[in-house]
Amino acid sequence: MRDATIGNGVTVEVDRDPERGSQRHRPERVCLADPARVKIMSPLLNTDEICACDVATGIGKTAASASHHLKLLRDAGLVTGDKRGTWIHYRAVSERLTAIGDALSLTR
């Protein structure tokens, strides 16, 4: 394992896959390296769930951009979503966030 800078001075741990010789970024850390995704996570930590329709306004992005960020958070396992009609309601996966918090406290 080693550190790599991915942009804006953000450093993440990367694993080297010995079979393919490629690097795999830890998805939850890369996900939280983007300020827009951090802004999305903030209200999710303080409420049970949030409608995707409210995310774009909350982060100052277009609906398409907010949808993209939510998909990345979902793919990283940081949020889950339930479709209700035309909207998806998202909630934070507390177990994943606790694990990230524990990992960060080890680096202090």
Protein backbone atom coordinates (compact mmCIF):
# COMPACT_ATOMS: atom_id res chain seq x y z
CA MET A 1 0.00 0.00 0.00
CA ARG A 2 1.17 3.53 -0.74
CA ASP A 3 -0.18 7.06 -0.92
CA ALA A 4 -1.06 8.80 -4.17
CA THR A 5 -2.20 12.36 -4.84
CA ILE A 6 -5.42 12.42 -6.88
CA GLY A 7 -5.98 16.15 -7.24
CA ASN A 8 -6.51 19.29 -5.18
CA GLY A 9 -3.68 18.03 -2.98
CA VAL A 10 -5.83 15.14 -1.71
CA THR A 11 -3.86 12.01 -0.87
CA VAL A 12 -5.41 8.54 -0.76
CA GLU A 13 -4.07 5.07 -0.12
CA VAL A 14 -3.83 2.83 -3.14
CA ASP A 15 -3.35 -0.91 -3.35
CA ARG A 16 -1.33 -2.54 -6.05
CA ASP A 17 -3.14 -5.53 -7.55
CA PRO A 18 -0.35 -8.11 -7.99
CA GLU A 19 -2.26 -10.08 -10.64
CA ARG A 20 -3.01 -7.15 -12.92
CA GLY A 21 -0.21 -4.84 -11.85
CA SER A 22 -2.69 -1.98 -11.59
CA GLN A 23 -3.66 0.29 -8.74
CA ARG A 24 -7.03 0.17 -7.04
CA HIS A 25 -8.10 3.25 -5.14
CA ARG A 26 -10.17 2.68 -2.04
CA PRO A 27 -13.55 3.89 -3.36
CA GLU A 28 -14.87 5.44 -0.15
CA ARG A 29 -11.76 7.58 0.25
CA VAL A 30 -11.74 8.71 -3.36
CA CYS A 31 -15.45 9.44 -3.08
CA LEU A 32 -14.97 11.69 -0.09
CA ALA A 33 -12.11 13.55 -1.79
CA ASP A 34 -14.62 15.62 -3.77
CA PRO A 35 -16.12 18.66 -1.98
CA ALA A 36 -19.52 18.19 -3.64
CA ARG A 37 -19.81 14.65 -2.26
CA VAL A 38 -18.77 15.83 1.18
CA LYS A 39 -21.55 18.44 0.96
CA ILE A 40 -24.01 15.66 0.07
CA MET A 41 -22.91 13.53 3.01
CA SER A 42 -23.24 16.35 5.54
CA PRO A 43 -27.06 16.52 5.62
CA LEU A 44 -27.27 12.72 5.40
CA LEU A 45 -25.36 12.47 8.66
CA ASN A 46 -27.88 14.75 10.37
CA THR A 47 -31.14 13.29 9.06
CA ASP A 48 -32.62 9.88 8.35
CA GLU A 49 -32.83 10.36 4.60
CA ILE A 50 -32.84 12.97 1.87
CA CYS A 51 -34.64 13.03 -1.46
CA ALA A 52 -32.45 13.21 -4.55
CA CYS A 53 -34.61 16.12 -5.67
CA ASP A 54 -33.22 18.22 -2.79
CA VAL A 55 -29.55 17.33 -3.29
CA ALA A 56 -28.84 19.46 -6.37
CA THR A 57 -30.12 22.62 -4.70
CA GLY A 58 -28.27 21.79 -1.49
CA ILE A 59 -24.88 21.47 -3.20
CA GLY A 60 -25.36 24.14 -5.87
CA LYS A 61 -25.06 21.73 -8.82
CA THR A 62 -27.32 20.61 -11.65
CA ALA A 63 -29.61 17.62 -11.14
CA ALA A 64 -27.42 15.59 -13.53
CA SER A 65 -24.27 16.43 -11.56
CA ALA A 66 -25.95 15.61 -8.24
CA SER A 67 -27.16 12.30 -9.68
CA HIS A 68 -23.61 11.46 -10.77
CA HIS A 69 -22.22 12.22 -7.30
CA LEU A 70 -24.95 10.16 -5.62
CA LYS A 71 -24.17 7.21 -7.90
CA LEU A 72 -20.49 7.35 -6.92
CA LEU A 73 -21.42 7.47 -3.23
CA ARG A 74 -23.78 4.53 -3.74
CA ASP A 75 -21.14 2.54 -5.65
CA ALA A 76 -18.66 3.16 -2.81
CA GLY A 77 -21.21 1.80 -0.33
CA LEU A 78 -21.53 5.06 1.59
CA VAL A 79 -25.23 5.58 0.83
CA THR A 80 -28.22 3.46 -0.10
CA GLY A 81 -31.29 4.56 -1.98
CA ASP A 82 -34.95 3.56 -2.19
CA LYS A 83 -36.97 4.56 -5.23
CA ARG A 84 -40.37 6.07 -4.42
CA GLY A 85 -42.25 7.12 -7.50
CA THR A 86 -39.90 9.17 -9.65
CA TRP A 87 -37.49 10.05 -6.83
CA ILE A 88 -34.84 8.15 -4.92
CA HIS A 89 -34.49 8.75 -1.20
CA TYR A 90 -30.94 8.29 0.09
CA ARG A 91 -29.57 7.47 3.52
CA ALA A 92 -26.05 7.11 4.84
CA VAL A 93 -24.68 3.64 5.59
CA SER A 94 -23.59 4.22 9.16
CA GLU A 95 -21.46 1.07 9.40
CA ARG A 96 -19.28 2.20 6.47
CA LEU A 97 -18.93 5.71 7.88
CA THR A 98 -17.99 4.33 11.30
CA ALA A 99 -15.30 2.19 9.68
CA ILE A 100 -13.91 5.24 7.84
CA GLY A 101 -13.93 7.24 11.08
CA ASP A 102 -12.09 4.44 12.86
CA ALA A 103 -9.51 4.26 10.08
CA LEU A 104 -8.98 8.02 10.17
CA SER A 105 -8.50 7.99 13.94
CA LEU A 106 -5.69 5.48 13.48
CA THR A 107 -3.79 7.94 11.30
CA ARG A 108 -3.63 10.66 13.98
